[in-house]
Amino acid sequence: MHAALERKATARAAAQPMTQADKELAAMKAYMKKVTSSKKAAQAFLQDAGIVDRNGRLAKPYRP
């Protein structure tokens, strides 16, 4: 289902010029793809965001 929605959105996008919001969304999707490309990249992102510590455990504010 998700792929079908993306195809429809792509077809619409081809017919209309990209808005600033479309450009920002495309940039976010590209960044998400980069960050989730490997376990190491994902861990680095989570650590930089302060969600996990150096040991890979949840940071204090996120612990139960």
N, C-alpha and C. Protein backbone atom coordinates (compact mmCIF):
# COMPACT_ATOMS: atom_id res chain seq x y z
N MET A 1 0.83 -1.20 0.00
CA MET A 1 0.00 0.00 0.00
C MET A 1 0.87 1.25 0.00
N HIS A 2 1.92 1.26 0.80
CA HIS A 2 2.79 2.41 0.90
C HIS A 2 3.44 2.72 -0.46
N ALA A 3 3.85 1.71 -1.17
CA ALA A 3 4.49 1.91 -2.47
C ALA A 3 3.51 2.53 -3.46
N ALA A 4 2.25 2.14 -3.39
CA ALA A 4 1.25 2.70 -4.28
C ALA A 4 1.06 4.19 -4.02
N LEU A 5 1.06 4.58 -2.75
CA LEU A 5 0.92 6.00 -2.41
C LEU A 5 2.12 6.80 -2.90
N GLU A 6 3.32 6.21 -2.79
CA GLU A 6 4.51 6.90 -3.28
C GLU A 6 4.47 7.08 -4.79
N ARG A 7 3.97 6.08 -5.51
CA ARG A 7 3.87 6.19 -6.97
C ARG A 7 2.91 7.32 -7.35
N LYS A 8 1.78 7.41 -6.63
CA LYS A 8 0.82 8.48 -6.90
C LYS A 8 1.44 9.84 -6.61
N ALA A 9 2.16 9.95 -5.51
CA ALA A 9 2.81 11.20 -5.14
C ALA A 9 3.86 11.58 -6.17
N THR A 10 4.61 10.59 -6.66
CA THR A 10 5.63 10.85 -7.66
C THR A 10 4.99 11.34 -8.95
N ALA A 11 3.88 10.75 -9.34
CA ALA A 11 3.18 11.17 -10.56
C ALA A 11 2.67 12.60 -10.41
N ARG A 12 2.13 12.93 -9.24
CA ARG A 12 1.67 14.30 -8.99
C ARG A 12 2.83 15.27 -9.02
N ALA A 13 3.95 14.87 -8.42
CA ALA A 13 5.11 15.75 -8.34
C ALA A 13 5.67 16.05 -9.72
N ALA A 14 5.59 15.10 -10.62
CA ALA A 14 6.09 15.32 -11.97
C ALA A 14 5.25 16.36 -12.70
N ALA A 15 3.99 16.48 -12.33
CA ALA A 15 3.09 17.42 -12.99
C ALA A 15 3.18 18.82 -12.41
N GLN A 16 3.69 18.96 -11.18
CA GLN A 16 3.75 20.26 -10.51
C GLN A 16 5.18 20.58 -10.11
N PRO A 17 5.54 21.86 -10.09
CA PRO A 17 6.88 22.22 -9.61
C PRO A 17 6.99 21.95 -8.11
N MET A 18 8.21 21.66 -7.67
CA MET A 18 8.42 21.35 -6.25
C MET A 18 8.29 22.61 -5.40
N THR A 19 7.55 22.51 -4.33
CA THR A 19 7.44 23.61 -3.39
C THR A 19 8.60 23.50 -2.40
N GLN A 20 8.77 24.50 -1.59
CA GLN A 20 9.82 24.46 -0.57
C GLN A 20 9.60 23.29 0.38
N ALA A 21 8.34 23.04 0.72
CA ALA A 21 8.02 21.92 1.61
C ALA A 21 8.40 20.59 0.97
N ASP A 22 8.15 20.45 -0.33
CA ASP A 22 8.53 19.23 -1.04
C ASP A 22 10.04 19.03 -1.02
N LYS A 23 10.78 20.12 -1.20
CA LYS A 23 12.24 20.04 -1.19
C LYS A 23 12.75 19.63 0.19
N GLU A 24 12.16 20.20 1.23
CA GLU A 24 12.58 19.87 2.59
C GLU A 24 12.23 18.43 2.93
N LEU A 25 11.06 17.97 2.50
CA LEU A 25 10.67 16.59 2.73
C LEU A 25 11.62 15.63 2.01
N ALA A 26 12.00 15.95 0.79
CA ALA A 26 12.94 15.12 0.05
C ALA A 26 14.29 15.07 0.75
N ALA A 27 14.73 16.20 1.29
CA ALA A 27 16.00 16.24 2.01
C ALA A 27 15.92 15.40 3.28
N MET A 28 14.79 15.46 3.99
CA MET A 28 14.62 14.65 5.20
C MET A 28 14.62 13.16 4.87
N LYS A 29 13.96 12.78 3.79
CA LYS A 29 13.92 11.38 3.39
C LYS A 29 15.31 10.89 3.02
N ALA A 30 16.08 11.72 2.32
CA ALA A 30 17.44 11.34 1.95
C ALA A 30 18.31 11.18 3.19
N TYR A 31 18.16 12.07 4.16
CA TYR A 31 18.93 11.98 5.40
C TYR A 31 18.54 10.74 6.19
N MET A 32 17.24 10.45 6.24
CA MET A 32 16.78 9.26 6.95
C MET A 32 17.35 8.00 6.30
N LYS A 33 17.39 7.97 4.99
CA LYS A 33 17.94 6.82 4.28
C LYS A 33 19.43 6.65 4.62
N LYS A 34 20.15 7.77 4.69
CA LYS A 34 21.58 7.74 5.02
C LYS A 34 21.79 7.24 6.44
N VAL A 35 21.01 7.77 7.38
CA VAL A 35 21.17 7.44 8.79
C VAL A 35 20.80 5.98 9.07
N THR A 36 19.85 5.45 8.34
CA THR A 36 19.42 4.07 8.57
C THR A 36 20.10 3.08 7.63
N SER A 37 21.13 3.52 6.93
CA SER A 37 21.81 2.65 5.96
C SER A 37 22.61 1.54 6.62
N SER A 38 23.02 1.74 7.86
CA SER A 38 23.77 0.71 8.58
C SER A 38 23.53 0.86 10.07
N LYS A 39 23.84 -0.20 10.79
CA LYS A 39 23.68 -0.16 12.24
C LYS A 39 24.61 0.88 12.85
N LYS A 40 25.82 0.97 12.32
CA LYS A 40 26.80 1.93 12.84
C LYS A 40 26.31 3.37 12.63
N ALA A 41 25.76 3.66 11.46
CA ALA A 41 25.25 5.00 11.18
C ALA A 41 24.07 5.34 12.09
N ALA A 42 23.20 4.37 12.31
CA ALA A 42 22.04 4.60 13.17
C ALA A 42 22.47 4.84 14.61
N GLN A 43 23.43 4.06 15.10
CA GLN A 43 23.92 4.25 16.46
C GLN A 43 24.59 5.61 16.62
N ALA A 44 25.35 6.02 15.61
CA ALA A 44 26.02 7.33 15.67
C ALA A 44 24.98 8.45 15.72
N PHE A 45 23.92 8.33 14.93
CA PHE A 45 22.87 9.34 14.93
C PHE A 45 22.20 9.42 16.30
N LEU A 46 21.84 8.26 16.86
CA LEU A 46 21.18 8.24 18.16
C LEU A 46 22.08 8.80 19.26
N GLN A 47 23.37 8.53 19.16
CA GLN A 47 24.31 9.05 20.15
C GLN A 47 24.44 10.57 20.00
N ASP A 48 24.58 11.04 18.76
CA ASP A 48 24.69 12.49 18.53
C ASP A 48 23.43 13.23 18.99
N ALA A 49 22.27 12.56 18.87
CA ALA A 49 21.01 13.17 19.28
C ALA A 49 20.82 13.12 20.79
N GLY A 50 21.68 12.38 21.49
CA GLY A 50 21.58 12.27 22.93
C GLY A 50 20.56 11.26 23.41
N ILE A 51 20.15 10.37 22.53
CA ILE A 51 19.16 9.37 22.88
C ILE A 51 19.80 8.15 23.54
N VAL A 52 21.01 7.80 23.07
CA VAL A 52 21.75 6.71 23.68
C VAL A 52 23.12 7.22 24.12
N ASP A 53 23.72 6.51 25.09
CA ASP A 53 25.05 6.91 25.55
C ASP A 53 26.13 6.19 24.73
N ARG A 54 27.38 6.36 25.13
CA ARG A 54 28.49 5.76 24.39
C ARG A 54 28.43 4.23 24.38
N ASN A 55 27.78 3.67 25.38
CA ASN A 55 27.67 2.21 25.48
C ASN A 55 26.47 1.66 24.73
N GLY A 56 25.67 2.53 24.12
CA GLY A 56 24.51 2.09 23.38
C GLY A 56 23.25 1.92 24.22
N ARG A 57 23.34 2.32 25.50
CA ARG A 57 22.16 2.25 26.37
C ARG A 57 21.39 3.55 26.31
N LEU A 58 20.10 3.49 26.63
CA LEU A 58 19.30 4.71 26.64
C LEU A 58 19.90 5.74 27.58
N ALA A 59 19.88 6.99 27.15
CA ALA A 59 20.37 8.09 27.99
C ALA A 59 19.40 8.27 29.15
N LYS A 60 19.88 8.90 30.22
CA LYS A 60 19.08 9.06 31.44
C LYS A 60 17.65 9.56 31.21
N PRO A 61 17.46 10.62 30.41
CA PRO A 61 16.09 11.13 30.27
C PRO A 61 15.11 10.11 29.63
N TYR A 62 15.63 9.09 28.98
CA TYR A 62 14.77 8.14 28.29
C TYR A 62 14.64 6.80 29.00
N ARG A 63 15.34 6.65 30.11
CA ARG A 63 15.26 5.39 30.87
C ARG A 63 13.96 5.34 31.65
N PRO A 64 13.40 4.13 31.79
CA PRO A 64 12.16 4.00 32.58
C PRO A 64 12.40 4.20 34.06
